[in-house]
């Protein structure tokens, strides 16, 4: 290592994909009954916050051809 180089610790980072995985894990755990009734409110609040954030910042999935056609016939 060059003595003139400074080393900085890597800053922890989260990506949108990481948060999407967190949302999926919470959803799966709830569906499988991993939380007690007393925990349901706080788990739901965390899920809602993550979900709302992702809906605001993540690009929306483009509609598939089937979905586009269904929208046209309604």
N, C-alpha and C. Protein backbone atom coordinates (compact mmCIF):
# COMPACT_ATOMS: atom_id res chain seq x y z
N UNK A 1 0.84 -1.18 0.00
CA UNK A 1 0.00 0.00 0.00
C UNK A 1 0.89 1.24 0.00
N UNK A 2 0.52 2.20 -0.78
CA UNK A 2 1.25 3.46 -0.84
C UNK A 2 1.01 4.23 0.45
N UNK A 3 2.04 4.78 1.03
CA UNK A 3 1.92 5.51 2.29
C UNK A 3 1.10 6.78 2.15
N UNK A 4 0.99 7.32 0.95
CA UNK A 4 0.23 8.54 0.72
C UNK A 4 -1.27 8.30 0.61
N UNK A 5 -1.66 7.04 0.45
CA UNK A 5 -3.08 6.72 0.35
C UNK A 5 -3.67 6.64 1.75
N UNK A 6 -4.82 7.22 1.89
CA UNK A 6 -5.51 7.10 3.17
C UNK A 6 -6.56 6.01 3.04
N UNK A 7 -6.73 5.30 4.10
CA UNK A 7 -7.75 4.25 4.07
C UNK A 7 -8.96 4.75 4.84
N UNK A 8 -10.10 4.59 4.25
CA UNK A 8 -11.34 4.95 4.91
C UNK A 8 -12.19 3.70 4.98
N UNK A 9 -12.84 3.52 6.10
CA UNK A 9 -13.69 2.33 6.20
C UNK A 9 -14.87 2.44 5.22
N UNK A 10 -15.28 1.31 4.70
CA UNK A 10 -16.42 1.30 3.80
C UNK A 10 -17.66 1.75 4.55
N UNK A 11 -18.39 2.66 3.94
CA UNK A 11 -19.63 3.13 4.53
C UNK A 11 -20.72 2.12 4.21
N UNK A 12 -21.45 1.68 5.23
CA UNK A 12 -22.55 0.74 4.95
C UNK A 12 -23.57 1.38 4.01
N UNK A 13 -24.09 0.59 3.10
CA UNK A 13 -25.04 1.11 2.12
C UNK A 13 -26.21 0.15 1.99
N UNK A 14 -27.36 0.71 1.68
CA UNK A 14 -28.55 -0.06 1.35
C UNK A 14 -29.00 0.35 -0.05
N UNK A 15 -29.44 -0.62 -0.80
CA UNK A 15 -29.96 -0.31 -2.13
C UNK A 15 -31.48 -0.50 -2.13
N UNK A 16 -32.10 -0.04 -3.19
CA UNK A 16 -33.54 -0.25 -3.35
C UNK A 16 -33.83 -1.75 -3.35
N UNK A 17 -32.98 -2.53 -3.98
CA UNK A 17 -33.19 -3.99 -4.01
C UNK A 17 -33.13 -4.58 -2.61
N UNK A 18 -32.25 -4.06 -1.75
CA UNK A 18 -32.20 -4.53 -0.36
C UNK A 18 -33.52 -4.26 0.35
N UNK A 19 -34.06 -3.06 0.16
CA UNK A 19 -35.32 -2.72 0.80
C UNK A 19 -36.49 -3.52 0.22
N UNK A 20 -36.43 -3.82 -1.06
CA UNK A 20 -37.47 -4.68 -1.65
C UNK A 20 -37.41 -6.08 -1.04
N UNK A 21 -36.20 -6.56 -0.78
CA UNK A 21 -36.05 -7.86 -0.12
C UNK A 21 -36.58 -7.82 1.31
N UNK A 22 -36.32 -6.74 2.03
CA UNK A 22 -36.85 -6.58 3.40
C UNK A 22 -38.37 -6.63 3.36
N UNK A 23 -38.97 -5.92 2.42
CA UNK A 23 -40.43 -5.92 2.29
C UNK A 23 -40.95 -7.32 2.03
N UNK A 24 -40.28 -8.06 1.15
CA UNK A 24 -40.71 -9.43 0.84
C UNK A 24 -40.56 -10.36 2.04
N UNK A 25 -39.49 -10.19 2.80
CA UNK A 25 -39.28 -11.03 3.98
C UNK A 25 -40.35 -10.76 5.03
N UNK A 26 -40.66 -9.49 5.26
CA UNK A 26 -41.71 -9.16 6.22
C UNK A 26 -43.04 -9.75 5.78
N UNK A 27 -43.37 -9.59 4.51
CA UNK A 27 -44.62 -10.12 3.98
C UNK A 27 -44.69 -11.63 4.16
N UNK A 28 -43.63 -12.32 3.82
CA UNK A 28 -43.59 -13.78 3.94
C UNK A 28 -43.71 -14.22 5.40
N UNK A 29 -43.02 -13.53 6.29
CA UNK A 29 -43.07 -13.90 7.70
C UNK A 29 -44.47 -13.70 8.28
N UNK A 30 -45.13 -12.63 7.87
CA UNK A 30 -46.50 -12.38 8.35
C UNK A 30 -47.45 -13.46 7.84
N UNK A 31 -47.33 -13.79 6.55
CA UNK A 31 -48.20 -14.83 5.99
C UNK A 31 -47.98 -16.17 6.65
N UNK A 32 -46.76 -16.43 7.12
CA UNK A 32 -46.45 -17.71 7.77
C UNK A 32 -46.73 -17.68 9.27
N UNK A 33 -47.21 -16.57 9.79
CA UNK A 33 -47.56 -16.48 11.20
C UNK A 33 -46.37 -16.38 12.14
N UNK A 34 -45.29 -15.75 11.68
CA UNK A 34 -44.07 -15.68 12.49
C UNK A 34 -44.16 -14.66 13.63
N UNK A 35 -45.16 -13.81 13.63
CA UNK A 35 -45.27 -12.77 14.64
C UNK A 35 -46.52 -13.00 15.48
N UNK A 36 -46.43 -12.64 16.75
CA UNK A 36 -47.60 -12.75 17.62
C UNK A 36 -48.56 -11.60 17.34
N UNK A 37 -49.76 -11.72 17.84
CA UNK A 37 -50.75 -10.66 17.65
C UNK A 37 -50.27 -9.34 18.25
N UNK A 38 -49.57 -9.41 19.36
CA UNK A 38 -49.07 -8.20 20.01
C UNK A 38 -48.01 -7.50 19.17
N UNK A 39 -47.32 -8.24 18.33
CA UNK A 39 -46.28 -7.67 17.48
C UNK A 39 -46.82 -7.19 16.13
N UNK A 40 -48.02 -7.57 15.79
CA UNK A 40 -48.56 -7.31 14.45
C UNK A 40 -48.60 -5.83 14.10
N UNK A 41 -48.98 -4.99 15.05
CA UNK A 41 -49.08 -3.56 14.76
C UNK A 41 -47.73 -2.97 14.41
N UNK A 42 -46.71 -3.25 15.21
CA UNK A 42 -45.40 -2.66 14.94
C UNK A 42 -44.79 -3.23 13.66
N UNK A 43 -45.00 -4.51 13.40
CA UNK A 43 -44.50 -5.11 12.16
C UNK A 43 -45.21 -4.48 10.96
N UNK A 44 -46.51 -4.30 11.07
CA UNK A 44 -47.27 -3.67 10.00
C UNK A 44 -46.85 -2.24 9.75
N UNK A 45 -46.53 -1.52 10.81
CA UNK A 45 -46.08 -0.14 10.64
C UNK A 45 -44.74 -0.07 9.91
N UNK A 46 -43.83 -0.97 10.26
CA UNK A 46 -42.54 -1.01 9.56
C UNK A 46 -42.74 -1.37 8.10
N UNK A 47 -43.58 -2.38 7.85
CA UNK A 47 -43.86 -2.78 6.47
C UNK A 47 -44.43 -1.60 5.69
N UNK A 48 -45.39 -0.90 6.28
CA UNK A 48 -46.01 0.24 5.59
C UNK A 48 -44.98 1.32 5.27
N UNK A 49 -44.07 1.61 6.20
CA UNK A 49 -43.06 2.64 5.96
C UNK A 49 -42.12 2.24 4.82
N UNK A 50 -41.67 0.98 4.85
CA UNK A 50 -40.78 0.50 3.78
C UNK A 50 -41.52 0.51 2.45
N UNK A 51 -42.74 0.01 2.46
CA UNK A 51 -43.54 -0.07 1.24
C UNK A 51 -43.83 1.32 0.66
N UNK A 52 -44.20 2.26 1.50
CA UNK A 52 -44.48 3.62 1.04
C UNK A 52 -43.22 4.27 0.47
N UNK A 53 -42.08 4.06 1.12
CA UNK A 53 -40.83 4.60 0.62
C UNK A 53 -40.51 4.02 -0.75
N UNK A 54 -40.63 2.69 -0.87
CA UNK A 54 -40.31 2.05 -2.15
C UNK A 54 -41.25 2.50 -3.25
N UNK A 55 -42.52 2.66 -2.92
CA UNK A 55 -43.48 3.13 -3.93
C UNK A 55 -43.15 4.55 -4.39
N UNK A 56 -42.56 5.34 -3.50
CA UNK A 56 -42.23 6.72 -3.84
C UNK A 56 -40.93 6.84 -4.64
N UNK A 57 -39.96 5.95 -4.39
CA UNK A 57 -38.66 6.12 -5.01
C UNK A 57 -38.32 5.10 -6.09
N UNK A 58 -38.91 3.93 -6.01
CA UNK A 58 -38.56 2.89 -6.98
C UNK A 58 -39.36 3.09 -8.26
N UNK A 59 -38.73 2.89 -9.39
CA UNK A 59 -39.48 2.99 -10.64
C UNK A 59 -40.56 1.91 -10.68
N UNK A 60 -41.70 2.29 -11.16
CA UNK A 60 -42.80 1.34 -11.24
C UNK A 60 -42.55 0.35 -12.36
N UNK A 61 -42.96 -0.88 -12.15
CA UNK A 61 -42.81 -1.91 -13.19
C UNK A 61 -43.70 -1.55 -14.37
N UNK A 62 -43.19 -1.62 -15.58
CA UNK A 62 -44.04 -1.34 -16.73
C UNK A 62 -45.14 -2.40 -16.85
N UNK A 63 -46.29 -1.99 -17.29
CA UNK A 63 -47.40 -2.93 -17.44
C UNK A 63 -47.07 -3.94 -18.54
N UNK A 64 -47.46 -5.18 -18.30
CA UNK A 64 -47.24 -6.21 -19.31
C UNK A 64 -48.27 -6.02 -20.41
N UNK A 65 -48.08 -6.66 -21.52
CA UNK A 65 -49.01 -6.56 -22.65
C UNK A 65 -50.41 -7.00 -22.24
N UNK A 66 -50.50 -8.06 -21.43
CA UNK A 66 -51.81 -8.54 -20.96
C UNK A 66 -52.52 -7.50 -20.12
N UNK A 67 -51.77 -6.85 -19.20
CA UNK A 67 -52.37 -5.83 -18.35
C UNK A 67 -52.80 -4.63 -19.17
N UNK A 68 -52.01 -4.26 -20.15
CA UNK A 68 -52.36 -3.13 -21.01
C UNK A 68 -53.63 -3.41 -21.78
N UNK A 69 -53.77 -4.63 -22.31
CA UNK A 69 -54.97 -4.99 -23.05
C UNK A 69 -56.17 -5.03 -22.14
N UNK A 70 -56.02 -5.52 -20.91
CA UNK A 70 -57.13 -5.59 -19.97
C UNK A 70 -57.62 -4.18 -19.64
N UNK A 71 -56.70 -3.23 -19.52
CA UNK A 71 -57.06 -1.85 -19.24
C UNK A 71 -57.81 -1.22 -20.39
N UNK A 72 -57.52 -1.63 -21.62
CA UNK A 72 -58.17 -1.06 -22.78
C UNK A 72 -59.60 -1.55 -22.93
N UNK A 73 -59.88 -2.77 -22.44
CA UNK A 73 -61.22 -3.33 -22.64
C UNK A 73 -62.17 -2.93 -21.55
N UNK A 74 -61.69 -2.31 -20.48
CA UNK A 74 -62.59 -1.94 -19.38
C UNK A 74 -63.33 -0.69 -19.66
